[in-house]
């Protein structure tokens, strides 16, 4: 090849490369790190609690899912803590956990990259600095405000932590953000641009303003009981529980992973995305957009609907979402397959982590495939005629899973579905 001649994708890799997960880093209300997280989920641990970070006397919502045991100093030095938002704290911790879990893969810097999502980004920093402006004047506003609040801050910090100079960007598509991040990270590896990618998402938006705003939209449950507040697919569901945390997944080409002897959880086999084009917040009641994303994920994976054994639902615990997602599942899988597939909403335990939800739930799918167990949908008591599938009620179930789907749907009508498959 002549000096300076460009190398195109097809010249690098004429065939699509298989992409696998070699590391998982969860930071969630039910547990941090793979073992704490998985033990919590399989045991049906409820991560929803009464809000303690700020007074709720004037708020209609009293519960949320916080990462109660998180200590930033374990993951960042004091200067970093002061100069970064809490959503970046979670992301950095998740990235370090995942990197270590993957065995700290060695990769040329330009062959490693980041795709990391968030729905809201550093909103706490924005609110704090706005108060500084009003109370103390513009001269006291922090010079670190912008780099702390920007949505791509977490992705940038992760690149610096691991010295990865390849493609790096942030996906911002509301609650579909980190499913998009996983799918786009997979594409970068599959198409030959990267060998290793840190994909995932982070969110830290449990604040008086956001609680008030979501409550005014009637999106949040006003149920004050943590033990029944998040109840996806139950007839008495009344809205989602706002939550926060992060998860990172180490995506790697199978070739690269096997060459270094890495432990492989599963393959990221397919990815589909769409939009409802229906309403800025409410899902299409026919589930058409969600069904399209699921169908395309299966087609991308080269799989038929009957191959699906497990589905981690978006399952927010709102009346509209759970009903429309059930319709979408039946549309794609068909009535017979839909009724035999094990479906769980782990938001019943974690609450809704917004832009981090897809990453956490992708981790659930990977671990379900790896360990042969699927987590339950807790707080499920009263069946809803409009939600009549197998939601793995209240207790985990042993299940040999070779193909799993993970759904994430966001405000704006954005839908993303990722297919995960056992590696033979």
Protein backbone atom coordinates (compact mmCIF):
# COMPACT_ATOMS: atom_id res chain seq x y z
CA UNK A 1 0.00 0.00 0.00
CA UNK A 2 1.42 3.41 -0.95
CA UNK A 3 2.50 5.73 1.84
CA UNK A 4 -0.35 7.96 3.00
CA UNK A 5 -3.06 5.86 1.33
CA UNK A 6 -6.19 5.73 3.44
CA UNK A 7 -7.39 2.45 4.90
CA UNK A 8 -11.17 2.08 4.71
CA UNK A 9 -13.34 -0.03 6.98
CA UNK A 10 -13.74 -2.84 4.50
CA UNK A 11 -10.00 -2.97 3.83
CA UNK A 12 -9.35 -3.28 7.56
CA UNK A 13 -12.00 -5.88 8.23
CA UNK A 14 -13.90 -7.28 5.25
CA UNK A 15 -16.21 -9.18 7.62
CA UNK A 16 -18.04 -8.01 10.72
CA UNK A 17 -16.18 -8.89 13.88
CA UNK A 18 -17.89 -10.53 16.83
CA UNK A 19 -18.14 -8.26 19.90
CA UNK A 20 -18.13 -9.64 23.44
CA UNK A 21 -18.45 -8.34 27.01
CA UNK A 22 -15.40 -8.99 29.18
CA UNK A 23 -16.01 -6.61 32.09
CA UNK A 24 -18.98 -5.30 34.06
CA UNK A 25 -19.01 -2.39 36.51
CA UNK A 26 -22.35 -1.65 38.21
CA UNK A 27 -22.88 1.19 40.71
CA UNK A 28 -26.54 0.88 41.70
CA UNK A 29 -29.05 1.16 44.53
CA UNK A 30 -29.06 -2.63 44.96
CA UNK A 31 -25.30 -3.09 45.01
CA UNK A 32 -21.95 -1.99 43.66
CA UNK A 33 -19.58 -4.32 41.83
CA UNK A 34 -20.62 -7.50 40.06
CA UNK A 35 -21.14 -9.71 43.10
CA UNK A 36 -22.92 -7.15 45.26
CA UNK A 37 -25.14 -6.13 42.37
CA UNK A 38 -26.01 -9.67 41.29
CA UNK A 39 -26.60 -10.93 44.83
CA UNK A 40 -28.96 -8.02 45.39
CA UNK A 41 -30.91 -8.61 42.20
CA UNK A 42 -31.26 -12.36 42.56
CA UNK A 43 -32.28 -11.91 46.19
CA UNK A 44 -34.96 -9.39 45.23
CA UNK A 45 -33.31 -6.57 47.17
CA UNK A 46 -35.28 -3.34 47.07
CA UNK A 47 -33.03 -0.34 46.42
CA UNK A 48 -35.86 2.18 46.75
CA UNK A 49 -35.92 4.12 50.02
CA UNK A 50 -37.28 7.30 51.53
CA UNK A 51 -35.39 10.32 50.24
CA UNK A 52 -32.87 11.42 52.87
CA UNK A 53 -30.57 13.72 50.89
CA UNK A 54 -32.95 16.68 51.01
CA UNK A 55 -36.26 17.59 52.72
CA UNK A 56 -39.39 16.37 50.96
CA UNK A 57 -42.00 18.18 53.09
CA UNK A 58 -43.14 20.30 50.14
CA UNK A 59 -42.70 17.60 47.51
CA UNK A 60 -45.40 15.11 46.48
CA UNK A 61 -42.79 12.38 46.03
CA UNK A 62 -41.05 10.82 49.04
CA UNK A 63 -39.01 7.92 47.64
CA UNK A 64 -36.11 7.41 45.26
CA UNK A 65 -33.34 4.97 44.44
CA UNK A 66 -29.99 6.31 45.62
CA UNK A 67 -26.57 4.64 45.74
CA UNK A 68 -26.58 4.74 49.51
CA UNK A 69 -23.12 3.35 50.19
CA UNK A 70 -21.20 5.31 47.55
CA UNK A 71 -18.02 7.06 48.74
CA UNK A 72 -16.44 9.26 46.03
CA UNK A 73 -13.11 9.31 47.86
CA UNK A 74 -12.70 5.61 47.13
CA UNK A 75 -12.58 6.36 43.41
CA UNK A 76 -11.37 9.96 43.00
CA UNK A 77 -8.90 12.26 44.72
CA UNK A 78 -10.24 15.31 46.62
CA UNK A 79 -9.48 17.74 43.79
CA UNK A 80 -11.31 15.58 41.24
CA UNK A 81 -14.31 15.32 43.54
CA UNK A 82 -14.56 19.10 43.85
CA UNK A 83 -14.23 19.66 40.11
CA UNK A 84 -16.65 17.03 38.82
CA UNK A 85 -20.34 16.33 39.11
CA UNK A 86 -21.77 13.34 40.92
CA UNK A 87 -22.80 11.72 37.63
CA UNK A 88 -19.10 11.64 36.66
CA UNK A 89 -18.21 10.21 40.08
CA UNK A 90 -20.52 7.28 39.41
CA UNK A 91 -19.22 6.86 35.86
CA UNK A 92 -15.56 6.82 36.92
CA UNK A 93 -16.28 4.26 39.62
CA UNK A 94 -18.23 2.09 37.17
CA UNK A 95 -15.47 2.34 34.59
CA UNK A 96 -12.78 1.34 37.09
CA UNK A 97 -14.84 -1.61 38.30
CA UNK A 98 -15.48 -2.82 34.76
CA UNK A 99 -11.86 -2.37 33.67
CA UNK A 100 -10.64 -4.36 36.65
CA UNK A 101 -13.31 -7.02 36.09
CA UNK A 102 -12.06 -7.36 32.50
CA UNK A 103 -8.52 -7.97 33.70
CA UNK A 104 -7.24 -4.50 32.74
CA UNK A 105 -6.96 -5.17 29.01
CA UNK A 106 -3.86 -3.91 27.24
CA UNK A 107 -4.73 -2.11 24.02
CA UNK A 108 -2.96 0.52 21.89
CA UNK A 109 -4.41 3.86 22.92
CA UNK A 110 -5.96 4.62 19.53
CA UNK A 111 -7.63 1.19 19.46
CA UNK A 112 -9.54 1.88 22.67
CA UNK A 113 -12.50 4.23 22.93
CA UNK A 114 -15.52 5.36 24.92
CA UNK A 115 -19.24 5.66 24.18
CA UNK A 116 -20.98 6.67 27.37
CA UNK A 117 -24.53 7.94 27.82
CA UNK A 118 -26.50 10.16 30.15
CA UNK A 119 -29.97 11.59 30.02
CA UNK A 120 -29.43 14.76 32.04
CA UNK A 121 -25.72 15.06 32.84
CA UNK A 122 -24.37 17.36 35.53
CA UNK A 123 -27.58 19.04 36.60
CA UNK A 124 -26.56 19.23 40.28
CA UNK A 125 -23.55 21.35 39.32
CA UNK A 126 -25.78 23.66 37.29
CA UNK A 127 -28.20 24.18 40.16
CA UNK A 128 -25.46 24.76 42.74
CA UNK A 129 -23.66 27.28 40.56
CA UNK A 130 -26.89 29.09 39.71
CA UNK A 131 -27.42 29.58 43.44
CA UNK A 132 -23.85 30.90 43.73
CA UNK A 133 -24.56 33.40 40.96
CA UNK A 134 -27.70 34.68 42.66
CA UNK A 135 -26.30 34.76 46.18
CA UNK A 136 -22.66 35.76 45.66
CA UNK A 137 -22.42 37.24 42.17
CA UNK A 138 -20.85 36.21 38.85
CA UNK A 139 -17.29 36.50 40.17
CA UNK A 140 -17.85 33.52 42.43
CA UNK A 141 -19.18 31.12 39.79
CA UNK A 142 -16.81 28.18 39.48
CA UNK A 143 -14.56 28.00 36.41
CA UNK A 144 -15.17 24.26 36.54
CA UNK A 145 -18.93 24.60 36.10
CA UNK A 146 -19.06 23.94 32.37
CA UNK A 147 -16.64 20.98 32.30
CA UNK A 148 -18.51 19.47 35.25
CA UNK A 149 -22.05 19.82 33.92
CA UNK A 150 -21.52 18.98 30.24
CA UNK A 151 -23.07 15.67 29.26
CA UNK A 152 -19.84 14.33 27.73
CA UNK A 153 -17.81 14.97 30.90
CA UNK A 154 -18.03 11.36 32.09
CA UNK A 155 -16.83 10.04 28.71
CA UNK A 156 -13.93 12.46 28.74
CA UNK A 157 -12.85 11.52 32.25
CA UNK A 158 -12.98 7.83 31.43
CA UNK A 159 -10.74 8.37 28.40
CA UNK A 160 -8.18 10.17 30.56
CA UNK A 161 -8.32 7.52 33.30
CA UNK A 162 -7.46 4.73 30.87
CA UNK A 163 -5.48 6.63 28.24
CA UNK A 164 -7.84 5.76 25.40
CA UNK A 165 -7.48 8.10 22.41
CA UNK A 166 -9.81 6.41 19.92
CA UNK A 167 -13.40 7.50 19.23
CA UNK A 168 -15.06 9.07 22.28
CA UNK A 169 -18.53 10.51 22.50
CA UNK A 170 -21.66 10.76 24.61
CA UNK A 171 -25.12 9.51 23.69
CA UNK A 172 -27.98 11.66 25.02
CA UNK A 173 -31.37 10.16 24.22
CA UNK A 174 -33.18 10.29 27.55
CA UNK A 175 -33.79 6.83 28.98
CA UNK A 176 -32.49 5.12 25.84
CA UNK A 177 -29.07 6.79 26.20
CA UNK A 178 -26.95 3.92 27.45
CA UNK A 179 -28.59 1.29 25.25
CA UNK A 180 -27.57 3.52 22.37
CA UNK A 181 -24.09 3.69 23.91
CA UNK A 182 -23.80 -0.10 24.01
CA UNK A 183 -25.04 -0.45 20.44
CA UNK A 184 -22.77 2.26 19.07
CA UNK A 185 -19.77 0.90 20.96
CA UNK A 186 -20.50 -2.52 19.50
CA UNK A 187 -20.59 -1.03 15.99
CA UNK A 188 -17.23 0.70 16.43
CA UNK A 189 -15.62 -2.62 17.30
CA UNK A 190 -17.58 -4.70 14.81
CA UNK A 191 -16.66 -2.35 11.96
CA UNK A 192 -12.97 -2.34 12.85
CA UNK A 193 -12.39 1.08 14.38
CA UNK A 194 -11.72 -0.19 17.91
CA UNK A 195 -10.62 -3.33 19.71
CA UNK A 196 -11.90 -2.28 23.16
CA UNK A 197 -14.66 0.15 24.11
CA UNK A 198 -16.02 1.28 27.47
CA UNK A 199 -19.76 1.66 26.98
CA UNK A 200 -22.45 2.45 29.51
CA UNK A 201 -24.21 5.32 31.20
CA UNK A 202 -24.46 7.38 34.35
CA UNK A 203 -27.09 9.54 36.02
CA UNK A 204 -27.31 11.62 39.19
CA UNK A 205 -30.50 13.63 38.98
CA UNK A 206 -32.29 12.93 42.27
CA UNK A 207 -32.72 16.57 43.30
CA UNK A 208 -35.65 18.69 44.49
CA UNK A 209 -36.05 20.39 41.11
CA UNK A 210 -36.04 17.20 39.06
CA UNK A 211 -38.32 15.41 41.48
CA UNK A 212 -40.75 18.34 41.33
CA UNK A 213 -40.56 18.52 37.53
CA UNK A 214 -41.12 14.80 36.91
CA UNK A 215 -43.90 14.86 39.51
CA UNK A 216 -45.62 17.76 37.73
CA UNK A 217 -45.57 15.64 34.57
CA UNK A 218 -47.35 12.90 36.59
CA UNK A 219 -44.52 10.56 35.61
CA UNK A 220 -43.44 9.70 39.17
CA UNK A 221 -45.36 7.62 41.65
CA UNK A 222 -46.63 9.45 44.70
CA UNK A 223 -46.77 6.20 46.63
CA UNK A 224 -44.66 6.92 49.76
CA UNK A 225 -44.09 3.25 50.59
CA UNK A 226 -40.68 2.07 49.31
CA UNK A 227 -41.90 -1.52 49.41
CA UNK A 228 -44.61 -0.98 46.82
CA UNK A 229 -43.65 2.20 44.98
CA UNK A 230 -42.00 0.60 41.92
CA UNK A 231 -44.25 -2.21 40.70
CA UNK A 232 -43.86 -2.72 36.93
CA UNK A 233 -46.65 -4.50 35.09
CA UNK A 234 -48.77 -4.69 38.25
CA UNK A 235 -52.35 -3.42 37.86
CA UNK A 236 -51.78 -0.96 40.73
CA UNK A 237 -48.62 0.67 39.29
CA UNK A 238 -48.75 4.44 39.53
CA UNK A 239 -45.56 5.86 38.04
CA UNK A 240 -41.82 5.34 38.10
CA UNK A 241 -39.35 5.87 40.93
CA UNK A 242 -36.51 8.26 40.10
CA UNK A 243 -33.14 6.65 40.66
CA UNK A 244 -29.46 7.12 39.96
CA UNK A 245 -26.16 5.32 39.52
CA UNK A 246 -24.10 3.98 36.64
CA UNK A 247 -22.86 0.91 34.85
CA UNK A 248 -19.96 0.36 32.48
CA UNK A 249 -19.41 -2.59 30.15
CA UNK A 250 -16.08 -3.47 28.58
CA UNK A 251 -16.82 -4.38 24.98
CA UNK A 252 -14.08 -6.14 23.10
CA UNK A 253 -13.59 -7.92 19.80
CA UNK A 254 -13.76 -11.65 20.40
CA UNK A 255 -10.41 -12.02 18.66
CA UNK A 256 -8.74 -9.54 21.02
CA UNK A 257 -10.40 -11.04 24.10
CA UNK A 258 -9.41 -14.59 23.27
CA UNK A 259 -5.85 -13.59 22.39
CA UNK A 260 -5.33 -12.30 25.92
CA UNK A 261 -7.22 -15.15 27.58
CA UNK A 262 -10.05 -12.95 28.87
CA UNK A 263 -13.16 -14.30 30.57
CA UNK A 264 -16.15 -13.65 28.30
CA UNK A 265 -19.66 -13.06 29.68
CA UNK A 266 -21.53 -13.05 26.38
CA UNK A 267 -21.70 -11.56 22.91
CA UNK A 268 -23.33 -8.23 22.04
CA UNK A 269 -25.08 -9.72 19.04
CA UNK A 270 -27.51 -7.14 17.69
CA UNK A 271 -28.78 -3.59 18.00
CA UNK A 272 -31.92 -1.86 16.81
CA UNK A 273 -33.18 1.70 17.25
CA UNK A 274 -36.21 3.69 16.20
CA UNK A 275 -38.54 6.52 17.15
CA UNK A 276 -42.24 6.53 17.92
CA UNK A 277 -42.83 9.91 16.22
CA UNK A 278 -45.97 9.99 18.35
CA UNK A 279 -45.61 12.23 21.43
CA UNK A 280 -42.71 13.94 23.17
CA UNK A 281 -43.17 11.94 26.39
CA UNK A 282 -45.95 9.34 26.01
CA UNK A 283 -45.24 6.07 24.19
CA UNK A 284 -47.21 4.98 21.16
CA UNK A 285 -49.96 2.79 22.67
CA UNK A 286 -49.56 0.37 19.75
CA UNK A 287 -45.88 -0.05 20.61
CA UNK A 288 -44.95 0.33 16.93
CA UNK A 289 -41.61 2.09 17.44
CA UNK A 290 -40.58 -0.21 20.27
CA UNK A 291 -41.46 -3.23 18.15
CA UNK A 292 -39.38 -1.91 15.27
CA UNK A 293 -36.30 -1.52 17.49
CA UNK A 294 -36.73 -5.05 18.83
CA UNK A 295 -37.25 -6.53 15.38
CA UNK A 296 -34.17 -4.79 14.00
CA UNK A 297 -32.06 -5.95 16.96
CA UNK A 298 -33.05 -9.55 16.20
CA UNK A 299 -32.38 -9.09 12.48
CA UNK A 300 -29.00 -7.53 13.23
CA UNK A 301 -28.17 -10.56 15.37
CA UNK A 302 -29.38 -12.94 12.67
CA UNK A 303 -31.87 -14.49 15.10
CA UNK A 304 -35.52 -15.49 14.89
CA UNK A 305 -38.04 -14.42 17.56
CA UNK A 306 -38.45 -17.98 18.87
CA UNK A 307 -34.77 -17.99 19.89
CA UNK A 308 -35.36 -15.44 22.68
CA UNK A 309 -35.45 -16.92 26.21
CA UNK A 310 -35.18 -13.77 28.34
CA UNK A 311 -36.16 -10.15 27.95
CA UNK A 312 -35.21 -7.37 30.33
CA UNK A 313 -38.08 -4.96 29.87
CA UNK A 314 -37.99 -1.19 29.99
CA UNK A 315 -40.82 -1.76 32.49
CA UNK A 316 -40.96 1.64 34.18
CA UNK A 317 -44.05 1.04 36.33
CA UNK A 318 -46.13 3.64 34.48
CA UNK A 319 -49.53 2.72 33.13
CA UNK A 320 -48.75 3.69 29.54
CA UNK A 321 -45.24 2.27 29.19
CA UNK A 322 -45.89 -1.18 30.60
CA UNK A 323 -49.02 -1.71 28.52
CA UNK A 324 -47.48 -0.49 25.26
CA UNK A 325 -44.29 -2.50 25.83
CA UNK A 326 -46.37 -5.64 26.35
CA UNK A 327 -48.09 -4.98 23.02
CA UNK A 328 -44.71 -4.46 21.34
CA UNK A 329 -43.31 -7.71 22.73
CA UNK A 330 -46.31 -9.65 21.41
CA UNK A 331 -46.02 -7.94 18.03
CA UNK A 332 -42.39 -8.96 17.58
CA UNK A 333 -42.32 -12.38 19.22
CA UNK A 334 -45.85 -13.49 18.43
CA UNK A 335 -48.40 -14.50 21.07
CA UNK A 336 -47.07 -18.01 21.68
CA UNK A 337 -43.40 -17.08 22.06
CA UNK A 338 -44.21 -13.90 24.01
CA UNK A 339 -46.08 -15.92 26.63
CA UNK A 340 -43.24 -18.37 27.19
CA UNK A 341 -40.37 -15.85 27.34
CA UNK A 342 -39.22 -14.88 30.83
CA UNK A 343 -39.54 -11.11 31.23
CA UNK A 344 -38.38 -9.06 34.17
CA UNK A 345 -38.22 -5.40 35.03
CA UNK A 346 -35.28 -4.86 37.33
CA UNK A 347 -36.53 -1.29 37.79
CA UNK A 348 -38.78 -2.86 40.42
CA UNK A 349 -35.56 -3.06 42.50
CA UNK A 350 -33.33 -0.28 41.17
CA UNK A 351 -35.93 2.32 40.31
CA UNK A 352 -35.56 4.13 37.00
CA UNK A 353 -31.97 5.26 36.47
CA UNK A 354 -32.87 7.30 33.36
CA UNK A 355 -29.82 7.49 31.07
CA UNK A 356 -28.00 4.80 33.05
CA UNK A 357 -30.84 2.29 32.93
CA UNK A 358 -29.87 0.54 29.70
CA UNK A 359 -26.30 -0.06 30.85
CA UNK A 360 -27.44 -1.55 34.16
CA UNK A 361 -29.98 -3.73 32.38
CA UNK A 362 -27.43 -4.78 29.77
CA UNK A 363 -25.30 -5.95 32.67
CA UNK A 364 -28.30 -7.94 33.93
CA UNK A 365 -28.65 -9.69 30.56
CA UNK A 366 -24.94 -10.52 30.42
CA UNK A 367 -24.99 -11.98 33.92
CA UNK A 368 -28.22 -13.90 33.29
CA UNK A 369 -26.59 -15.58 30.30
CA UNK A 370 -23.36 -16.21 32.19
CA UNK A 371 -24.97 -17.56 35.38
CA UNK A 372 -28.17 -19.23 34.22
CA UNK A 373 -30.48 -17.24 36.47
CA UNK A 374 -32.91 -14.42 35.67
CA UNK A 375 -33.89 -11.82 38.28
CA UNK A 376 -37.46 -11.23 39.38
CA UNK A 377 -39.92 -8.39 39.03
CA UNK A 378 -40.59 -7.67 42.69
CA UNK A 379 -43.72 -6.06 44.17
CA UNK A 380 -45.84 -7.91 41.62
CA UNK A 381 -49.18 -8.69 43.27
CA UNK A 382 -52.16 -7.87 41.08
CA UNK A 383 -52.21 -9.01 37.42
CA UNK A 384 -53.25 -6.48 34.80
CA UNK A 385 -55.30 -7.84 31.86
CA UNK A 386 -53.31 -5.52 29.57
CA UNK A 387 -50.01 -6.94 30.88
CA UNK A 388 -50.51 -10.68 30.70
CA UNK A 389 -47.01 -12.09 30.06
CA UNK A 390 -44.56 -13.93 32.32
CA UNK A 391 -42.86 -11.17 34.32
CA UNK A 392 -40.92 -13.56 36.62
CA UNK A 393 -42.94 -12.41 39.65
CA UNK A 394 -41.16 -11.86 42.96
CA UNK A 395 -38.58 -14.66 42.85
CA UNK A 396 -35.52 -15.27 40.67
CA UNK A 397 -35.64 -18.23 38.33
CA UNK A 398 -32.99 -20.63 37.09
CA UNK A 399 -33.04 -20.48 33.32
CA UNK A 400 -30.60 -21.53 30.61
CA UNK A 401 -30.41 -18.31 28.56
CA UNK A 402 -28.68 -18.30 25.19
CA UNK A 403 -30.35 -15.15 23.78
CA UNK A 404 -31.64 -12.12 25.68
CA UNK A 405 -33.07 -8.76 24.68
CA UNK A 406 -32.82 -5.51 26.62
CA UNK A 407 -35.30 -2.71 25.92
CA UNK A 408 -34.84 0.99 26.65
CA UNK A 409 -37.34 3.63 25.57
CA UNK A 410 -36.96 7.36 26.19
CA UNK A 411 -38.79 10.67 26.15
CA UNK A 412 -38.67 12.00 22.63
CA UNK A 413 -39.96 8.63 21.45
CA UNK A 414 -36.45 7.16 21.13
CA UNK A 415 -36.24 3.38 21.36
CA UNK A 416 -33.19 1.13 21.54
CA UNK A 417 -32.95 -2.63 21.89
CA UNK A 418 -29.78 -4.69 22.31
CA UNK A 419 -29.52 -8.45 21.79
CA UNK A 420 -27.08 -10.46 23.93
CA UNK A 421 -26.05 -14.02 23.05
CA UNK A 422 -24.09 -16.80 24.70
CA UNK A 423 -20.68 -17.40 23.12
CA UNK A 424 -20.32 -21.01 22.03
